[in-house]
Amino acid sequence: MILKDLKQVGTSSKNSVRKIFKTNIEVHGERIYIELTGSGFLYNMVRIISGTLVDVGLGKINSEDIPEIILSGERQRAGKTLPPQGLYLLKVEY
């Protein structure tokens, strides 16, 4: 999957295309663990992806609509930006 943020807010990167190589979602009790592996991440990208996945789980967004939402470039069609609490960087590889 290739994601593109049209505005590039909060980043000095000249290229806004990012590749997501792997997504892993696990539920343990009331906690949801979302792990994303990619070529890099834009400002709030992980929080937006996670919020969109939560909305899919709650039935607010149809999972089949995700590719169209991404390609549209219309941020308001995706899920809400989750708060940063609980978010952490696990590893950086070069």
PDB file of N, CA and C in Angstrom:
ATOM      1  N   MET A   1       0.850  -1.170   0.000  1.00  0.00           N
ATOM      2  CA  MET A   1       0.000   0.000   0.000  1.00  0.00           C
ATOM      3  C   MET A   1       0.893   1.230   0.000  1.00  0.00           C
ATOM      4  N   ILE A   2       0.559   2.225  -0.796  1.00  0.00           N
ATOM      5  CA  ILE A   2       1.296   3.483  -0.836  1.00  0.00           C
ATOM      6  C   ILE A   2       0.354   4.590  -0.390  1.00  0.00           C
ATOM      7  N   LEU A   3       0.791   5.360   0.588  1.00  0.00           N
ATOM      8  CA  LEU A   3      -0.023   6.449   1.110  1.00  0.00           C
ATOM      9  C   LEU A   3       0.597   7.783   0.741  1.00  0.00           C
ATOM     10  N   LYS A   4      -0.245   8.752   0.443  1.00  0.00           N
ATOM     11  CA  LYS A   4       0.248  10.077   0.086  1.00  0.00           C
ATOM     12  C   LYS A   4      -0.531  11.129   0.859  1.00  0.00           C
ATOM     13  N   ASP A   5       0.186  11.985   1.549  1.00  0.00           N
ATOM     14  CA  ASP A   5      -0.419  13.109   2.269  1.00  0.00           C
ATOM     15  C   ASP A   5      -0.196  14.339   1.414  1.00  0.00           C
ATOM     16  N   LEU A   6      -1.258  14.937   0.913  1.00  0.00           N
ATOM     17  CA  LEU A   6      -1.122  16.032  -0.043  1.00  0.00           C
ATOM     18  C   LEU A   6      -0.578  17.320   0.556  1.00  0.00           C
ATOM     19  N   LYS A   7      -0.749  17.538   1.843  1.00  0.00           N
ATOM     20  CA  LYS A   7      -0.336  18.812   2.439  1.00  0.00           C
ATOM     21  C   LYS A   7       1.048  18.782   3.063  1.00  0.00           C
ATOM     22  N   GLN A   8       1.516  17.653   3.532  1.00  0.00           N
ATOM     23  CA  GLN A   8       2.817  17.523   4.180  1.00  0.00           C
ATOM     24  C   GLN A   8       2.982  18.479   5.363  1.00  0.00           C
ATOM     25  N   VAL A   9       1.970  18.640   6.139  1.00  0.00           N
ATOM     26  CA  VAL A   9       2.029  19.529   7.290  1.00  0.00           C
ATOM     27  C   VAL A   9       2.996  18.966   8.325  1.00  0.00           C
ATOM     28  N   GLY A  10       3.862  19.809   8.877  1.00  0.00           N
ATOM     29  CA  GLY A  10       4.738  19.420   9.973  1.00  0.00           C
ATOM     30  C   GLY A  10       5.929  18.572   9.568  1.00  0.00           C
ATOM     31  N   THR A  11       6.300  18.563   8.296  1.00  0.00           N
ATOM     32  CA  THR A  11       7.440  17.774   7.870  1.00  0.00           C
ATOM     33  C   THR A  11       8.308  18.579   6.915  1.00  0.00           C
ATOM     34  N   SER A  12       9.604  18.285   6.915  1.00  0.00           N
ATOM     35  CA  SER A  12      10.510  18.948   5.986  1.00  0.00           C
ATOM     36  C   SER A  12      10.762  18.077   4.754  1.00  0.00           C
ATOM     37  N   SER A  13      10.144  16.921   4.706  1.00  0.00           N
ATOM     38  CA  SER A  13      10.321  16.004   3.588  1.00  0.00           C
ATOM     39  C   SER A  13       9.747  16.601   2.303  1.00  0.00           C
ATOM     40  N   LYS A  14      10.466  16.400   1.198  1.00  0.00           N
ATOM     41  CA  LYS A  14       9.999  16.903  -0.085  1.00  0.00           C
ATOM     42  C   LYS A  14       9.085  15.909  -0.786  1.00  0.00           C
ATOM     43  N   ASN A  15       9.119  14.658  -0.374  1.00  0.00           N
ATOM     44  CA  ASN A  15       8.307  13.613  -0.982  1.00  0.00           C
ATOM     45  C   ASN A  15       7.334  13.091   0.056  1.00  0.00           C
ATOM     46  N   SER A  16       6.045  13.107  -0.272  1.00  0.00           N
ATOM     47  CA  SER A  16       5.042  12.691   0.709  1.00  0.00           C
ATOM     48  C   SER A  16       4.557  11.257   0.512  1.00  0.00           C
ATOM     49  N   VAL A  17       5.188  10.508  -0.381  1.00  0.00           N
ATOM     50  CA  VAL A  17       4.784   9.122  -0.604  1.00  0.00           C
ATOM     51  C   VAL A  17       5.470   8.225   0.419  1.00  0.00           C
ATOM     52  N   ARG A  18       4.676   7.403   1.088  1.00  0.00           N
ATOM     53  CA  ARG A  18       5.197   6.465   2.078  1.00  0.00           C
ATOM     54  C   ARG A  18       4.655   5.081   1.769  1.00  0.00           C
ATOM     55  N   LYS A  19       5.480   4.064   1.953  1.00  0.00           N
ATOM     56  CA  LYS A  19       5.051   2.684   1.722  1.00  0.00           C
ATOM     57  C   LYS A  19       4.835   1.998   3.068  1.00  0.00           C
ATOM     58  N   ILE A  20       3.682   1.366   3.208  1.00  0.00           N
ATOM     59  CA  ILE A  20       3.396   0.556   4.388  1.00  0.00           C
ATOM     60  C   ILE A  20       3.656  -0.889   3.989  1.00  0.00           C
ATOM     61  N   PHE A  21       4.619  -1.532   4.648  1.00  0.00           N
ATOM     62  CA  PHE A  21       4.991  -2.896   4.318  1.00  0.00           C
ATOM     63  C   PHE A  21       4.182  -3.921   5.105  1.00  0.00           C
ATOM     64  N   LYS A  22       3.803  -3.561   6.320  1.00  0.00           N
ATOM     65  CA  LYS A  22       3.141  -4.536   7.183  1.00  0.00           C
ATOM     66  C   LYS A  22       2.242  -3.814   8.179  1.00  0.00           C
ATOM     67  N   THR A  23       1.089  -4.413   8.416  1.00  0.00           N
ATOM     68  CA  THR A  23       0.178  -3.935   9.455  1.00  0.00           C
ATOM     69  C   THR A  23      -0.233  -5.140  10.277  1.00  0.00           C
ATOM     70  N   ASN A  24      -0.121  -5.040  11.576  1.00  0.00           N
ATOM     71  CA  ASN A  24      -0.524  -6.117  12.465  1.00  0.00           C
ATOM     72  C   ASN A  24      -1.446  -5.539  13.536  1.00  0.00           C
ATOM     73  N   ILE A  25      -2.591  -6.177  13.719  1.00  0.00           N
ATOM     74  CA  ILE A  25      -3.561  -5.721  14.717  1.00  0.00           C
ATOM     75  C   ILE A  25      -3.864  -6.877  15.660  1.00  0.00           C
ATOM     76  N   GLU A  26      -3.745  -6.618  16.950  1.00  0.00           N
ATOM     77  CA  GLU A  26      -4.057  -7.628  17.961  1.00  0.00           C
ATOM     78  C   GLU A  26      -4.950  -7.008  19.017  1.00  0.00           C
ATOM     79  N   VAL A  27      -5.877  -7.805  19.512  1.00  0.00           N
ATOM     80  CA  VAL A  27      -6.768  -7.372  20.586  1.00  0.00           C
ATOM     81  C   VAL A  27      -6.494  -8.240  21.798  1.00  0.00           C
ATOM     82  N   HIS A  28      -6.207  -7.595  22.919  1.00  0.00           N
ATOM     83  CA  HIS A  28      -5.981  -8.280  24.194  1.00  0.00           C
ATOM     84  C   HIS A  28      -6.885  -7.616  25.222  1.00  0.00           C
ATOM     85  N   GLY A  29      -7.994  -8.274  25.521  1.00  0.00           N
ATOM     86  CA  GLY A  29      -8.957  -7.679  26.445  1.00  0.00           C
ATOM     87  C   GLY A  29      -9.558  -6.431  25.838  1.00  0.00           C
ATOM     88  N   GLU A  30      -9.441  -5.330  26.551  1.00  0.00           N
ATOM     89  CA  GLU A  30      -9.972  -4.063  26.052  1.00  0.00           C
ATOM     90  C   GLU A  30      -8.931  -3.240  25.291  1.00  0.00           C
ATOM     91  N   ARG A  31      -7.737  -3.766  25.137  1.00  0.00           N
ATOM     92  CA  ARG A  31      -6.669  -3.040  24.440  1.00  0.00           C
ATOM     93  C   ARG A  31      -6.520  -3.526  23.003  1.00  0.00           C
ATOM     94  N   ILE A  32      -6.278  -2.577  22.121  1.00  0.00           N
ATOM     95  CA  ILE A  32      -6.029  -2.868  20.712  1.00  0.00           C
ATOM     96  C   ILE A  32      -4.599  -2.443  20.408  1.00  0.00           C
ATOM     97  N   TYR A  33      -3.828  -3.355  19.848  1.00  0.00           N
ATOM     98  CA  TYR A  33      -2.446  -3.070  19.481  1.00  0.00           C
ATOM     99  C   TYR A  33      -2.353  -3.014  17.959  1.00  0.00           C
ATOM    100  N   ILE A  34      -1.893  -1.888  17.443  1.00  0.00           N
ATOM    101  CA  ILE A  34      -1.735  -1.700  16.007  1.00  0.00           C
ATOM    102  C   ILE A  34      -0.258  -1.446  15.743  1.00  0.00           C
ATOM    103  N   GLU A  35       0.340  -2.324  14.943  1.00  0.00           N
ATOM    104  CA  GLU A  35       1.756  -2.189  14.608  1.00  0.00           C
ATOM    105  C   GLU A  35       1.876  -1.918  13.115  1.00  0.00           C
ATOM    106  N   LEU A  36       2.564  -0.836  12.758  1.00  0.00           N
ATOM    107  CA  LEU A  36       2.763  -0.464  11.360  1.00  0.00           C
ATOM    108  C   LEU A  36       4.249  -0.458  11.047  1.00  0.00           C
ATOM    109  N   THR A  37       4.610  -1.046   9.924  1.00  0.00           N
ATOM    110  CA  THR A  37       5.983  -1.035   9.448  1.00  0.00           C
ATOM    111  C   THR A  37       5.972  -0.380   8.073  1.00  0.00           C
ATOM    112  N   GLY A  38       6.828   0.629   7.880  1.00  0.00           N
ATOM    113  CA  GLY A  38       6.827   1.329   6.601  1.00  0.00           C
ATOM    114  C   GLY A  38       8.140   2.017   6.306  1.00  0.00           C
ATOM    115  N   SER A  39       8.174   2.659   5.155  1.00  0.00           N
ATOM    116  CA  SER A  39       9.382   3.358   4.707  1.00  0.00           C
ATOM    117  C   SER A  39       9.594   4.670   5.461  1.00  0.00           C
ATOM    118  N   GLY A  40       8.596   5.107   6.171  1.00  0.00           N
ATOM    119  CA  GLY A  40       8.636   6.347   6.936  1.00  0.00           C
ATOM    120  C   GLY A  40       7.211   6.772   7.203  1.00  0.00           C
ATOM    121  N   PHE A  41       7.048   7.753   8.054  1.00  0.00           N
ATOM    122  CA  PHE A  41       5.707   8.192   8.412  1.00  0.00           C
ATOM    123  C   PHE A  41       5.656   9.712   8.435  1.00  0.00           C
ATOM    124  N   LEU A  42       4.546  10.245   7.954  1.00  0.00           N
ATOM    125  CA  LEU A  42       4.331  11.679   7.954  1.00  0.00           C
ATOM    126  C   LEU A  42       3.687  12.103   9.272  1.00  0.00           C
ATOM    127  N   TYR A  43       3.627  13.397   9.492  1.00  0.00           N
ATOM    128  CA  TYR A  43       3.063  13.966  10.704  1.00  0.00           C
ATOM    129  C   TYR A  43       1.648  13.429  10.927  1.00  0.00           C
ATOM    130  N   ASN A  44       1.401  12.839  12.068  1.00  0.00           N
ATOM    131  CA  ASN A  44       0.099  12.280  12.481  1.00  0.00           C
ATOM    132  C   ASN A  44      -0.374  11.091  11.651  1.00  0.00           C
ATOM    133  N   MET A  45       0.433  10.599  10.749  1.00  0.00           N
ATOM    134  CA  MET A  45       0.017   9.517   9.858  1.00  0.00           C
ATOM    135  C   MET A  45      -0.414   8.267  10.617  1.00  0.00           C
ATOM    136  N   VAL A  46       0.373   7.832  11.578  1.00  0.00           N
ATOM    137  CA  VAL A  46       0.041   6.622  12.337  1.00  0.00           C
ATOM    138  C   VAL A  46      -1.232   6.838  13.149  1.00  0.00           C
ATOM    139  N   ARG A  47      -1.403   8.012  13.707  1.00  0.00           N
ATOM    140  CA  ARG A  47      -2.604   8.307  14.489  1.00  0.00           C
ATOM    141  C   ARG A  47      -3.851   8.332  13.611  1.00  0.00           C
ATOM    142  N   ILE A  48      -3.719   8.818  12.377  1.00  0.00           N
ATOM    143  CA  ILE A  48      -4.845   8.850  11.445  1.00  0.00           C
ATOM    144  C   ILE A  48      -5.178   7.439  10.962  1.00  0.00           C
ATOM    145  N   ILE A  49      -4.156   6.658  10.595  1.00  0.00           N
ATOM    146  CA  ILE A  49      -4.387   5.275  10.171  1.00  0.00           C
ATOM    147  C   ILE A  49      -5.059   4.493  11.294  1.00  0.00           C
ATOM    148  N   SER A  50      -4.560   4.648  12.510  1.00  0.00           N
ATOM    149  CA  SER A  50      -5.126   3.924  13.655  1.00  0.00           C
ATOM    150  C   SER A  50      -6.567   4.342  13.908  1.00  0.00           C
ATOM    151  N   GLY A  51      -6.853   5.627  13.831  1.00  0.00           N
ATOM    152  CA  GLY A  51      -8.220   6.111  14.018  1.00  0.00           C
ATOM    153  C   GLY A  51      -9.156   5.570  12.954  1.00  0.00           C
ATOM    154  N   THR A  52      -8.658   5.451  11.734  1.00  0.00           N
ATOM    155  CA  THR A  52      -9.459   4.898  10.647  1.00  0.00           C
ATOM    156  C   THR A  52      -9.729   3.416  10.890  1.00  0.00           C
ATOM    157  N   LEU A  53      -8.724   2.678  11.348  1.00  0.00           N
ATOM    158  CA  LEU A  53      -8.918   1.257  11.651  1.00  0.00           C
ATOM    159  C   LEU A  53      -9.910   1.058  12.788  1.00  0.00           C
ATOM    160  N   VAL A  54      -9.860   1.917  13.795  1.00  0.00           N
ATOM    161  CA  VAL A  54     -10.827   1.842  14.893  1.00  0.00           C
ATOM    162  C   VAL A  54     -12.236   2.092  14.357  1.00  0.00           C
ATOM    163  N   ASP A  55     -12.389   3.079  13.474  1.00  0.00           N
ATOM    164  CA  ASP A  55     -13.705   3.359  12.887  1.00  0.00           C
ATOM    165  C   ASP A  55     -14.207   2.194  12.035  1.00  0.00           C
ATOM    166  N   VAL A  56     -13.308   1.482  11.364  1.00  0.00           N
ATOM    167  CA  VAL A  56     -13.708   0.277  10.631  1.00  0.00           C
ATOM    168  C   VAL A  56     -14.229  -0.757  11.624  1.00  0.00           C
ATOM    169  N   GLY A  57     -13.510  -0.947  12.723  1.00  0.00           N
ATOM    170  CA  GLY A  57     -13.925  -1.909  13.742  1.00  0.00           C
ATOM    171  C   GLY A  57     -15.262  -1.565  14.379  1.00  0.00           C
ATOM    172  N   LEU A  58     -15.550  -0.274  14.487  1.00  0.00           N
ATOM    173  CA  LEU A  58     -16.822   0.170  15.067  1.00  0.00           C
ATOM    174  C   LEU A  58     -17.954   0.209  14.038  1.00  0.00           C
ATOM    175  N   GLY A  59     -17.636  -0.092  12.786  1.00  0.00           N
ATOM    176  CA  GLY A  59     -18.647  -0.091  11.737  1.00  0.00           C
ATOM    177  C   GLY A  59     -18.966   1.282  11.170  1.00  0.00           C
ATOM    178  N   LYS A  60     -18.174   2.289  11.504  1.00  0.00           N
ATOM    179  CA  LYS A  60     -18.404   3.645  10.997  1.00  0.00           C
ATOM    180  C   LYS A  60     -17.867   3.819   9.577  1.00  0.00           C
ATOM    181  N   ILE A  61     -16.857   3.019   9.213  1.00  0.00           N
ATOM    182  CA  ILE A  61     -16.269   3.041   7.877  1.00  0.00           C
ATOM    183  C   ILE A  61     -16.239   1.603   7.383  1.00  0.00           C
ATOM    184  N   ASN A  62     -16.600   1.406   6.126  1.00  0.00           N
ATOM    185  CA  ASN A  62     -16.568   0.082   5.517  1.00  0.00           C
ATOM    186  C   ASN A  62     -15.132  -0.213   5.085  1.00  0.00           C
ATOM    187  N   SER A  63     -14.603  -1.368   5.422  1.00  0.00           N
ATOM    188  CA  SER A  63     -13.210  -1.693   5.091  1.00  0.00           C
ATOM    189  C   SER A  63     -12.954  -1.675   3.584  1.00  0.00           C
ATOM    190  N   GLU A  64     -13.972  -1.996   2.783  1.00  0.00           N
ATOM    191  CA  GLU A  64     -13.802  -1.977   1.331  1.00  0.00           C
ATOM    192  C   GLU A  64     -13.628  -0.557   0.782  1.00  0.00           C
ATOM    193  N   ASP A  65     -13.990   0.448   1.568  1.00  0.00           N
ATOM    194  CA  ASP A  65     -13.870   1.838   1.129  1.00  0.00           C
ATOM    195  C   ASP A  65     -12.468   2.426   1.364  1.00  0.00           C
ATOM    196  N   ILE A  66     -11.611   1.721   2.091  1.00  0.00           N
ATOM    197  CA  ILE A  66     -10.289   2.256   2.454  1.00  0.00           C
ATOM    198  C   ILE A  66      -9.451   2.634   1.225  1.00  0.00           C
ATOM    199  N   PRO A  67      -9.304   1.750   0.206  1.00  0.00           N
ATOM    200  CA  PRO A  67      -8.493   2.168  -0.956  1.00  0.00           C
ATOM    201  C   PRO A  67      -9.018   3.443  -1.619  1.00  0.00           C
ATOM    202  N   GLU A  68     -10.317   3.567  -1.745  1.00  0.00           N
ATOM    203  CA  GLU A  68     -10.907   4.766  -2.352  1.00  0.00           C
ATOM    204  C   GLU A  68     -10.666   6.003  -1.492  1.00  0.00           C
ATOM    205  N   ILE A  69     -10.752   5.851  -0.171  1.00  0.00           N
ATOM    206  CA  ILE A  69     -10.498   6.968   0.747  1.00  0.00           C
ATOM    207  C   ILE A  69      -9.058   7.447   0.583  1.00  0.00           C
ATOM    208  N   ILE A  70      -8.117   6.511   0.513  1.00  0.00           N
ATOM    209  CA  ILE A  70      -6.700   6.866   0.368  1.00  0.00           C
ATOM    210  C   ILE A  70      -6.466   7.579  -0.961  1.00  0.00           C
ATOM    211  N   LEU A  71      -6.988   7.003  -2.038  1.00  0.00           N
ATOM    212  CA  LEU A  71      -6.770   7.581  -3.367  1.00  0.00           C
ATOM    213  C   LEU A  71      -7.442   8.936  -3.541  1.00  0.00           C
ATOM    214  N   SER A  72      -8.520   9.184  -2.805  1.00  0.00           N
ATOM    215  CA  SER A  72      -9.233  10.458  -2.938  1.00  0.00           C
ATOM    216  C   SER A  72      -8.411  11.631  -2.413  1.00  0.00           C
ATOM    217  N   GLY A  73      -7.527  11.372  -1.436  1.00  0.00           N
ATOM    218  CA  GLY A  73      -6.746  12.450  -0.843  1.00  0.00           C
ATOM    219  C   GLY A  73      -7.570  13.375   0.035  1.00  0.00           C
ATOM    220  N   GLU A  74      -8.811  12.977   0.336  1.00  0.00           N
ATOM    221  CA  GLU A  74      -9.704  13.795   1.153  1.00  0.00           C
ATOM    222  C   GLU A  74      -9.618  13.339   2.616  1.00  0.00           C
ATOM    223  N   ARG A  75      -8.848  14.067   3.388  1.00  0.00           N
ATOM    224  CA  ARG A  75      -8.585  13.703   4.784  1.00  0.00           C
ATOM    225  C   ARG A  75      -9.864  13.506   5.590  1.00  0.00           C
ATOM    226  N   GLN A  76     -10.883  14.311   5.351  1.00  0.00           N
ATOM    227  CA  GLN A  76     -12.114  14.240   6.136  1.00  0.00           C
ATOM    228  C   GLN A  76     -12.849  12.917   5.954  1.00  0.00           C
ATOM    229  N   ARG A  77     -12.528  12.145   4.917  1.00  0.00           N
ATOM    230  CA  ARG A  77     -13.177  10.853   4.706  1.00  0.00           C
ATOM    231  C   ARG A  77     -12.579   9.756   5.582  1.00  0.00           C
ATOM    232  N   ALA A  78     -11.365   9.959   6.070  1.00  0.00           N
ATOM    233  CA  ALA A  78     -10.711   8.968   6.929  1.00  0.00           C
ATOM    234  C   ALA A  78     -11.213   9.127   8.365  1.00  0.00           C
ATOM    235  N   GLY A  79     -10.755   8.248   9.238  1.00  0.00           N
ATOM    236  CA  GLY A  79     -11.153   8.302  10.643  1.00  0.00           C
ATOM    237  C   GLY A  79     -10.506   9.457  11.373  1.00  0.00           C
ATOM    238  N   LYS A  80     -10.901   9.610  12.612  1.00  0.00           N
ATOM    239  CA  LYS A  80     -10.355  10.702  13.425  1.00  0.00           C
ATOM    240  C   LYS A  80      -8.889  10.439  13.768  1.00  0.00           C
ATOM    241  N   THR A  81      -8.175  11.501  14.091  1.00  0.00           N
ATOM    242  CA  THR A  81      -6.792  11.392  14.551  1.00  0.00           C
ATOM    243  C   THR A  81      -6.823  11.009  16.025  1.00  0.00           C
ATOM    244  N   LEU A  82      -6.289   9.834  16.334  1.00  0.00           N
ATOM    245  CA  LEU A  82      -6.280   9.403  17.730  1.00  0.00           C
ATOM    246  C   LEU A  82      -5.304  10.243  18.548  1.00  0.00           C
ATOM    247  N   PRO A  83      -5.524  10.349  19.857  1.00  0.00           N
ATOM    248  CA  PRO A  83      -4.578  11.095  20.698  1.00  0.00           C
ATOM    249  C   PRO A  83      -3.250  10.339  20.799  1.00  0.00           C
ATOM    250  N   PRO A  84      -2.176  11.038  21.141  1.00  0.00           N
ATOM    251  CA  PRO A  84      -0.857  10.400  21.156  1.00  0.00           C
ATOM    252  C   PRO A  84      -0.603   9.464  22.338  1.00  0.00           C
ATOM    253  N   GLN A  85      -1.425   9.509  23.365  1.00  0.00           N
ATOM    254  CA  GLN A  85      -1.209   8.645  24.518  1.00  0.00           C
ATOM    255  C   GLN A  85      -1.255   7.178  24.078  1.00  0.00           C
ATOM    256  N   GLY A  86      -0.252   6.427  24.470  1.00  0.00           N
ATOM    257  CA  GLY A  86      -0.185   5.022  24.124  1.00  0.00           C
ATOM    258  C   GLY A  86       0.589   4.746  22.843  1.00  0.00           C
ATOM    259  N   LEU A  87       0.942   5.783  22.108  1.00  0.00           N
ATOM    260  CA  LEU A  87       1.696   5.626  20.868  1.00  0.00           C
ATOM    261  C   LEU A  87       3.186   5.668  21.192  1.00  0.00           C
ATOM    262  N   TYR A  88       3.934   4.717  20.659  1.00  0.00           N
ATOM    263  CA  TYR A  88       5.384   4.774  20.839  1.00  0.00           C
ATOM    264  C   TYR A  88       6.112   4.157  19.664  1.00  0.00           C
ATOM    265  N   LEU A  89       7.334   4.615  19.448  1.00  0.00           N
ATOM    266  CA  LEU A  89       8.191   4.127  18.386  1.00  0.00           C
ATOM    267  C   LEU A  89       8.932   2.901  18.904  1.00  0.00           C
ATOM    268  N   LEU A  90       8.741   1.784  18.243  1.00  0.00           N
ATOM    269  CA  LEU A  90       9.354   0.539  18.688  1.00  0.00           C
ATOM    270  C   LEU A  90      10.789   0.389  18.185  1.00  0.00           C
ATOM    271  N   LYS A  91      11.000   0.708  16.896  1.00  0.00           N
ATOM    272  CA  LYS A  91      12.316   0.467  16.327  1.00  0.00           C
ATOM    273  C   LYS A  91      12.498   1.272  15.047  1.00  0.00           C
ATOM    274  N   VAL A  92      13.729   1.701  14.783  1.00  0.00           N
ATOM    275  CA  VAL A  92      14.085   2.374  13.536  1.00  0.00           C
ATOM    276  C   VAL A  92      15.173   1.541  12.874  1.00  0.00           C
ATOM    277  N   GLU A  93      14.985   1.219  11.600  1.00  0.00           N
ATOM    278  CA  GLU A  93      15.985   0.458  10.848  1.00  0.00           C
ATOM    279  C   GLU A  93      16.400   1.256   9.631  1.00  0.00           C
ATOM    280  N   TYR A  94      17.655   1.171   9.273  1.00  0.00           N
ATOM    281  CA  TYR A  94      18.174   1.841   8.078  1.00  0.00           C
ATOM    282  C   TYR A  94      18.700   0.827   7.110  1.00  0.00           C
TER     283      TYR A  94
END
